[in-house]
Protein backbone atom coordinates (compact mmCIF):
# COMPACT_ATOMS: atom_id res chain seq x y z
CA MET A 1 -4.27 17.92 -8.57
CA ALA A 2 -2.43 17.08 -5.36
CA THR A 3 0.66 15.01 -4.87
CA ILE A 4 0.59 12.09 -2.47
CA THR A 5 3.24 13.52 -0.13
CA ALA A 6 0.85 14.37 2.71
CA LYS A 7 -0.91 10.99 2.62
CA ILE A 8 2.11 8.67 2.62
CA GLU A 9 2.01 6.27 5.54
CA ARG A 10 5.51 6.50 6.95
CA HIS A 11 5.01 4.17 9.94
CA VAL A 12 5.07 0.96 7.96
CA VAL A 13 5.27 -2.57 9.29
CA LEU A 14 8.42 -4.20 7.96
CA LEU A 15 8.79 -7.96 8.22
CA ASP A 16 11.71 -10.19 7.30
CA GLU A 17 11.14 -12.58 4.41
CA ASN A 18 11.77 -15.59 6.66
CA ARG A 19 8.82 -14.87 8.95
CA THR A 20 5.66 -16.90 8.43
CA THR A 21 2.51 -15.72 6.73
CA TYR A 22 0.74 -16.43 10.02
CA GLU A 23 3.00 -13.93 11.81
CA ALA A 24 2.26 -11.38 9.10
CA ALA A 25 -1.48 -12.01 9.39
CA VAL A 26 -1.38 -11.53 13.17
CA LEU A 27 0.48 -8.23 12.77
CA MET A 28 -1.89 -7.01 10.07
CA SER A 29 -4.87 -7.90 12.25
CA GLU A 30 -3.44 -6.21 15.35
CA LYS A 31 -2.51 -3.05 13.48
CA HIS A 32 -5.64 -2.97 11.27
CA ILE A 33 -3.62 -2.84 8.06
CA GLY A 34 -3.83 -4.72 4.78
CA SER A 35 -0.16 -5.24 3.97
CA VAL A 36 3.38 -5.52 5.28
CA VAL A 37 6.58 -4.57 3.52
CA VAL A 38 8.94 -7.52 3.17
CA THR A 39 12.64 -7.06 3.81
CA ARG A 40 15.89 -8.96 3.40
CA GLU A 41 18.84 -7.63 5.39
CA SER A 42 16.96 -4.35 5.99
CA ARG A 43 16.32 -3.86 2.24
CA VAL A 44 12.80 -3.77 0.79
CA ILE A 45 12.27 -6.78 -1.47
CA GLY A 46 8.52 -7.18 -1.70
CA LEU A 47 5.00 -6.65 -0.46
CA PHE A 48 2.72 -9.11 1.33
CA THR A 49 -1.02 -8.42 1.44
CA GLU A 50 -4.20 -9.95 2.78
CA ARG A 51 -4.99 -11.04 -0.78
CA ASP A 52 -1.70 -12.93 -0.98
CA LEU A 53 -2.52 -14.79 2.22
CA ILE A 54 -6.05 -15.71 1.13
CA ARG A 55 -4.91 -16.73 -2.35
CA ASP A 56 -2.23 -19.01 -0.95
CA MET A 57 -4.54 -20.62 1.58
CA ALA A 58 -7.50 -21.00 -0.76
CA GLN A 59 -5.72 -22.08 -3.94
CA LYS A 60 -2.75 -23.99 -2.58
CA ARG A 61 -4.29 -25.06 0.75
CA ARG A 62 -1.08 -24.39 2.63
CA ASP A 63 -0.76 -23.80 6.35
CA PRO A 64 0.10 -20.16 7.17
CA ILE A 65 2.01 -21.31 10.24
CA THR A 66 4.63 -23.02 8.08
CA VAL A 67 4.66 -20.91 4.88
CA LYS A 68 7.34 -18.22 4.74
CA ILE A 69 6.44 -14.77 3.46
CA ARG A 70 9.09 -15.02 0.72
CA GLU A 71 7.13 -17.91 -0.82
CA VAL A 72 3.95 -15.88 -1.20
CA MET A 73 4.92 -12.19 -1.35
CA ARG A 74 4.86 -10.02 -4.44
CA PRO A 75 8.45 -9.31 -5.41
CA GLU A 76 7.31 -7.13 -8.31
CA PHE A 77 5.82 -4.18 -6.47
CA VAL A 78 4.93 -0.83 -7.99
CA ARG A 79 7.14 2.08 -6.93
CA VAL A 80 6.16 5.74 -6.93
CA SER A 81 7.86 8.92 -5.76
CA PRO A 82 6.45 11.23 -3.06
CA ALA A 83 5.80 13.83 -5.78
CA GLU A 84 3.50 11.51 -7.74
CA ARG A 85 -0.04 12.73 -8.39
CA SER A 86 -2.94 10.87 -6.82
CA GLU A 87 -4.66 10.27 -10.19
CA ARG A 88 -1.52 8.63 -11.57
CA CYS A 89 -1.29 6.38 -8.52
CA ILE A 90 -4.89 5.23 -9.01
CA GLU A 91 -4.13 4.49 -12.67
CA LEU A 92 -1.11 2.42 -11.61
CA MET A 93 -3.26 0.50 -9.14
CA LYS A 94 -5.82 -0.25 -11.84
CA THR A 95 -3.15 -1.34 -14.30
CA HIS A 96 -1.31 -3.56 -11.83
CA GLN A 97 -4.44 -4.72 -9.98
CA CYS A 98 -3.15 -3.74 -6.55
CA ARG A 99 -4.27 -1.60 -3.62
CA HIS A 100 -0.88 -0.52 -2.26
CA LEU A 101 2.07 1.32 -3.77
CA LEU A 102 5.51 1.57 -2.20
CA VAL A 103 6.92 5.08 -2.10
CA PHE A 104 10.62 5.63 -2.76
CA ASP A 105 12.60 8.83 -2.87
CA GLY A 106 15.33 7.70 -5.24
CA ASP A 107 16.57 4.44 -3.72
CA ALA A 108 15.35 5.27 -0.20
CA PHE A 109 12.12 3.64 0.97
CA VAL A 110 9.80 6.35 2.29
CA GLY A 111 6.51 4.59 3.01
CA ILE A 112 3.36 3.18 1.49
CA ILE A 113 0.17 4.59 0.06
CA SER A 114 -3.08 2.68 -0.17
CA LEU A 115 -6.13 3.03 -2.33
CA ARG A 116 -8.01 4.29 0.74
CA ASP A 117 -5.43 7.06 1.19
CA LEU A 118 -5.78 8.08 -2.44
CA LEU A 119 -9.56 8.13 -2.27
CA LEU A 120 -9.30 10.50 0.69
CA VAL A 121 -7.06 12.81 -1.35
CA LEU A 122 -9.57 12.84 -4.20
CA LEU A 123 -12.48 13.37 -1.82
CA GLU A 124 -10.71 16.32 -0.19
CA GLU A 125 -10.04 17.84 -3.62
CA LYS A 126 -13.69 17.48 -4.64
CA GLU A 127 -14.91 18.95 -1.36
CA GLU A 128 -12.64 21.96 -1.81
CA LEU A 129 -13.90 22.44 -5.37
CA ILE A 130 -17.50 22.32 -4.12
CA ARG A 131 -16.67 24.95 -1.45
CA GLN A 132 -15.09 27.21 -4.06
CA LEU A 133 -18.00 26.83 -6.46
CA THR A 134 -20.51 27.46 -3.68
CA ARG A 135 -18.68 30.66 -2.68
CA TYR A 136 -18.60 31.76 -6.31
CA VAL A 137 -22.29 31.09 -6.90
CA THR A 138 -23.45 32.67 -3.63
CA SER A 139 -21.30 35.81 -3.78
């Protein structure tokens, strides 16, 4: 069972809480990502995702050009350490109904890991197991 260290996305888009959800959506679209990390005075304070944008627009019918990220973001984000196991991260995502976890080494923000990243870890593990079993059976 592998840790998530190798799959942590360390080049994360950080956006100040006073930026608009429209600005966040443009960045997410340009960079082909599903979330941005929200900051206040260079400190991580939340997470803003595509789901947050859609929920706000669909349920509250607000204009993304005027809505600030701080009004819509998730201030209660799930934290994990770089040494966390991929299976545990998937369990946390299921429990908290999210697709992104913020990675902290103590109090220092390290990066983000997504469900897609974790699925790749699990797939790689399964492929390696298949290779080992195939070698065992054919030798």
